[in-house]
Protein backbone atom coordinates (compact mmCIF):
# COMPACT_ATOMS: atom_id res chain seq x y z
CA MET A 1 -53.54 -144.59 -70.70
CA LYS A 2 -52.42 -142.56 -67.72
CA GLN A 3 -48.88 -144.00 -68.07
CA ARG A 4 -48.74 -143.10 -71.72
CA GLU A 5 -49.98 -139.58 -70.89
CA VAL A 6 -47.29 -139.08 -68.30
CA LEU A 7 -44.66 -140.28 -70.71
CA LEU A 8 -45.79 -138.02 -73.52
CA LEU A 9 -46.02 -135.02 -71.21
CA LYS A 10 -42.32 -135.28 -70.55
CA ASN A 11 -41.58 -134.79 -74.23
CA PRO A 12 -40.89 -131.14 -75.11
CA VAL A 13 -41.81 -131.69 -78.79
CA PHE A 14 -45.21 -133.11 -77.79
CA LEU A 15 -45.72 -130.21 -75.32
CA ALA A 16 -44.93 -127.72 -78.06
CA ALA A 17 -47.47 -129.33 -80.40
CA ILE A 18 -50.16 -129.38 -77.70
CA PHE A 19 -49.41 -125.77 -76.78
CA LEU A 20 -50.09 -124.69 -80.40
CA ASP A 21 -53.34 -126.68 -80.42
CA PRO A 22 -56.13 -124.70 -78.82
CA ARG A 23 -58.27 -127.71 -78.63
CA TYR A 24 -56.00 -129.42 -76.07
CA GLN A 25 -53.86 -126.57 -74.64
CA CYS A 26 -56.11 -126.57 -71.58
CA MET A 27 -54.65 -129.98 -70.56
CA LEU A 28 -51.20 -128.38 -69.92
CA ASN A 29 -50.23 -126.91 -66.60
CA GLU A 30 -48.10 -123.72 -66.40
CA THR A 31 -44.80 -125.71 -66.28
CA ASP A 32 -45.76 -127.75 -69.34
CA LYS A 33 -46.74 -124.58 -71.12
CA ASN A 34 -43.38 -122.98 -70.41
CA THR A 35 -41.53 -126.09 -71.53
CA GLY A 36 -43.53 -126.00 -74.82
CA ILE A 37 -42.81 -122.30 -75.26
CA ASN A 38 -39.06 -122.86 -74.69
CA HIS A 39 -38.99 -125.61 -77.23
CA LEU A 40 -40.97 -123.43 -79.70
CA ILE A 41 -38.47 -120.60 -79.29
CA LYS A 42 -35.61 -123.03 -80.00
CA THR A 43 -37.44 -124.28 -83.06
CA TRP A 44 -38.03 -120.70 -84.18
CA SER A 45 -34.36 -119.80 -83.79
CA PHE A 46 -33.41 -122.88 -85.88
CA MET A 47 -35.93 -121.81 -88.54
CA ILE A 48 -34.44 -118.34 -88.62
CA GLN A 49 -30.87 -119.74 -88.79
CA ILE A 50 -31.80 -122.02 -91.77
CA GLN A 51 -33.54 -119.12 -93.50
CA ASP A 52 -30.55 -116.87 -92.91
CA ASN A 53 -28.18 -119.50 -94.24
CA VAL A 54 -30.18 -119.93 -97.43
CA CYS A 55 -30.35 -116.14 -97.86
CA GLN A 56 -26.61 -115.73 -97.16
CA THR A 57 -25.86 -118.39 -99.77
CA ASP A 58 -27.99 -116.53 -102.28
CA VAL A 59 -26.31 -113.20 -101.40
CA ASP A 60 -22.86 -114.74 -101.62
CA ASN A 61 -23.59 -116.24 -105.01
CA SER A 62 -24.88 -112.95 -106.34
CA VAL A 63 -21.88 -111.06 -104.90
CA ILE A 64 -19.50 -113.51 -106.52
CA ALA A 65 -21.29 -113.10 -109.84
CA SER A 66 -21.21 -109.29 -109.59
CA VAL A 67 -17.54 -109.25 -108.61
CA ASN A 68 -16.70 -111.42 -111.60
CA VAL A 69 -18.59 -109.02 -113.87
CA ASP A 70 -17.31 -105.81 -112.21
CA THR A 71 -13.56 -106.51 -111.97
CA PRO A 72 -11.67 -106.74 -115.20
CA ASP A 73 -8.94 -109.02 -113.78
CA ASN A 74 -11.36 -111.24 -111.72
CA THR A 75 -9.34 -110.74 -108.48
CA THR A 76 -10.83 -109.58 -105.15
CA GLU A 77 -9.04 -108.00 -102.29
CA THR A 78 -9.93 -109.90 -99.01
CA THR A 79 -7.34 -108.21 -96.78
CA ASP A 80 -8.94 -104.83 -96.96
CA GLY A 81 -9.23 -103.66 -93.34
CA PHE A 82 -12.15 -101.32 -93.92
CA GLU A 83 -14.19 -104.14 -95.61
CA LEU A 84 -13.43 -106.45 -92.68
CA PHE A 85 -14.66 -103.73 -90.28
CA LEU A 86 -17.85 -103.26 -92.23
CA SER A 87 -18.48 -106.99 -92.40
CA SER A 88 -18.06 -107.29 -88.58
CA GLN A 89 -20.43 -104.42 -88.02
CA SER A 90 -22.95 -106.14 -90.31
CA SER A 91 -22.79 -109.31 -88.32
CA VAL A 92 -23.27 -107.41 -85.01
CA SER A 93 -26.41 -105.74 -86.32
CA SER A 94 -27.80 -109.07 -87.57
CA ASN A 95 -27.17 -110.58 -84.12
CA ARG A 96 -29.22 -107.79 -82.57
CA SER A 97 -32.02 -108.33 -85.04
CA ASP A 98 -31.93 -112.03 -84.24
CA THR A 99 -32.44 -111.16 -80.57
CA ASN A 100 -35.35 -108.88 -81.47
CA ILE A 101 -36.91 -111.74 -83.59
CA ILE A 102 -36.58 -114.18 -80.71
CA ASN A 103 -38.17 -111.60 -78.32
CA ASP A 104 -41.04 -111.06 -80.75
CA ILE A 105 -41.87 -114.76 -81.04
CA SER A 106 -41.57 -115.10 -77.27
CA VAL A 107 -44.08 -112.36 -76.77
CA SER A 108 -46.38 -113.89 -79.34
CA LEU A 109 -46.20 -117.28 -77.66
CA HIS A 110 -46.86 -115.85 -74.18
CA ASN A 111 -49.86 -113.95 -75.66
CA PHE A 112 -51.11 -117.27 -77.10
CA LYS A 113 -50.84 -118.94 -73.73
CA ASP A 114 -54.43 -118.70 -72.66
CA VAL A 115 -56.15 -118.90 -76.03
CA GLU A 116 -59.83 -119.71 -76.16
CA ARG A 117 -60.43 -123.40 -76.29
CA LEU A 118 -61.82 -124.83 -79.54
CA HIS A 119 -64.13 -127.92 -79.98
CA TYR A 120 -62.13 -131.07 -80.25
CA LYS A 121 -63.55 -131.83 -83.70
CA THR A 122 -62.24 -128.54 -85.13
CA ASN A 123 -59.70 -128.99 -87.87
CA ILE A 124 -56.49 -127.50 -86.34
CA LEU A 125 -54.87 -126.96 -89.73
CA ALA A 126 -57.90 -124.99 -90.90
CA PHE A 127 -57.66 -122.96 -87.73
CA TRP A 128 -54.05 -122.02 -88.33
CA GLU A 129 -54.87 -121.28 -91.97
CA SER A 130 -57.49 -118.74 -90.78
CA GLN A 131 -54.81 -117.16 -88.44
CA LYS A 132 -52.24 -117.00 -91.26
CA HIS A 133 -52.35 -113.23 -91.55
CA ASP A 134 -53.12 -112.30 -87.88
CA LYS A 135 -50.44 -114.50 -86.31
CA SER A 136 -48.09 -115.13 -89.21
CA ASP A 137 -45.07 -116.15 -87.04
CA LEU A 138 -47.14 -118.59 -84.98
CA TYR A 139 -48.71 -119.89 -88.28
CA LYS A 140 -45.25 -120.73 -89.64
CA LEU A 141 -44.28 -122.33 -86.37
CA ALA A 142 -47.47 -124.37 -86.16
CA ASN A 143 -46.91 -125.68 -89.69
CA ILE A 144 -43.60 -127.05 -88.63
CA VAL A 145 -44.47 -128.36 -85.23
CA LEU A 146 -47.83 -129.89 -86.18
CA ALA A 147 -46.26 -131.66 -89.14
CA VAL A 148 -44.25 -133.90 -86.80
CA PRO A 149 -46.08 -137.18 -86.12
CA ALA A 150 -47.06 -137.75 -82.47
CA THR A 151 -46.09 -141.36 -82.68
CA GLN A 152 -44.20 -143.57 -85.14
CA VAL A 153 -45.77 -146.69 -86.51
CA SER A 154 -42.36 -148.25 -87.19
CA VAL A 155 -41.48 -148.14 -83.45
CA GLU A 156 -44.87 -149.54 -82.50
CA ARG A 157 -44.33 -152.31 -85.06
CA SER A 158 -40.94 -153.16 -83.39
CA PHE A 159 -42.54 -153.32 -79.98
CA SER A 160 -45.26 -155.63 -81.22
CA GLY A 161 -42.56 -157.78 -82.81
CA ILE A 162 -41.01 -158.37 -79.46
CA LYS A 163 -43.78 -160.77 -78.57
CA PHE A 164 -42.47 -163.24 -81.21
CA ILE A 165 -38.92 -163.01 -79.84
CA LEU A 166 -39.44 -162.67 -76.07
CA SER A 167 -42.01 -165.23 -75.17
CA ASP A 168 -42.73 -166.92 -71.84
CA LEU A 169 -40.40 -169.77 -72.90
CA ARG A 170 -37.49 -167.40 -73.76
CA THR A 171 -37.40 -164.98 -70.83
CA SER A 172 -33.80 -165.70 -70.09
CA LEU A 173 -32.52 -163.51 -72.96
CA SER A 174 -30.08 -160.85 -71.90
CA ALA A 175 -30.80 -157.21 -72.69
CA ASN A 176 -27.84 -157.03 -75.11
CA LEU A 177 -28.96 -160.10 -77.03
CA LEU A 178 -32.52 -158.88 -77.27
CA ASP A 179 -31.22 -155.48 -78.50
CA ALA A 180 -29.20 -157.20 -81.18
CA ILE A 181 -32.12 -159.34 -82.33
CA MET A 182 -34.31 -156.33 -82.58
CA ILE A 183 -31.81 -154.42 -84.62
CA VAL A 184 -31.48 -157.21 -87.07
CA ARG A 185 -35.27 -157.76 -87.17
CA SER A 186 -36.19 -154.16 -87.67
CA ASN A 187 -33.59 -153.40 -90.38
CA THR A 188 -34.44 -154.92 -93.74
CA LYS A 189 -30.95 -154.43 -95.07
CA PHE A 190 -29.86 -157.30 -92.77
CA ASN A 191 -32.37 -159.70 -94.27
CA LYS A 192 -30.92 -162.14 -96.81
CA VAL A 193 -32.86 -162.77 -99.97
C-alpha cells in the first residue's frame, strides 16, 4: 500500500484531484499541494483556450454570415492595414485578459489550500455542487479533474493477465517479447475470429 501511495503521489493529475478534495487534502505536503496547483492552473488555461476557440469559431461564423449579407458583391478586403492593426490590438488585449484569468484562478487555488477537512464519507460531488456559486471557477475545475478516473481497470486487467504469460516456467522471456505478447493480448482487433 505504501509503494502504491508513493507512486500515486508522483502523479500531478492525482495530486490535483486530491488537492480539490477537502476530505483528503490534509494528506498532501506543501510540495504536493504546489504541484497540484500548478497542474490545475495548466488545466484551467487549457479549458480557457478550448472555450475561446469555440467562441472564436462562433464569432467567425457570424462575421462571415454578416459579411455575406452586408456586402452586395460578396467580397471582403483582407489587406486593409487599419483592420489588421485593430485585429492585432484585439489579440493583445485578449492575452492580457488571459493573464488576469490565470492570476484569478491561481489566487482562488491558493486560498483553497488550507480548506477545512470534511468527513471521509462526505459526497465530494455534492460538496462542489454546494460551492457552485461561491467558488464557480473551482467548481468548474473540480468537475473536470474529479471526472478523471484514479485508476483504469483495463490496465489492471492487463497486469493480471501477465500471470498467464509469465509463469515460473517461462521466466526467460525477454522484455521485448513480453511487450509484444501483451500488446497482442490486450488489443481485441488482433484476435482472429
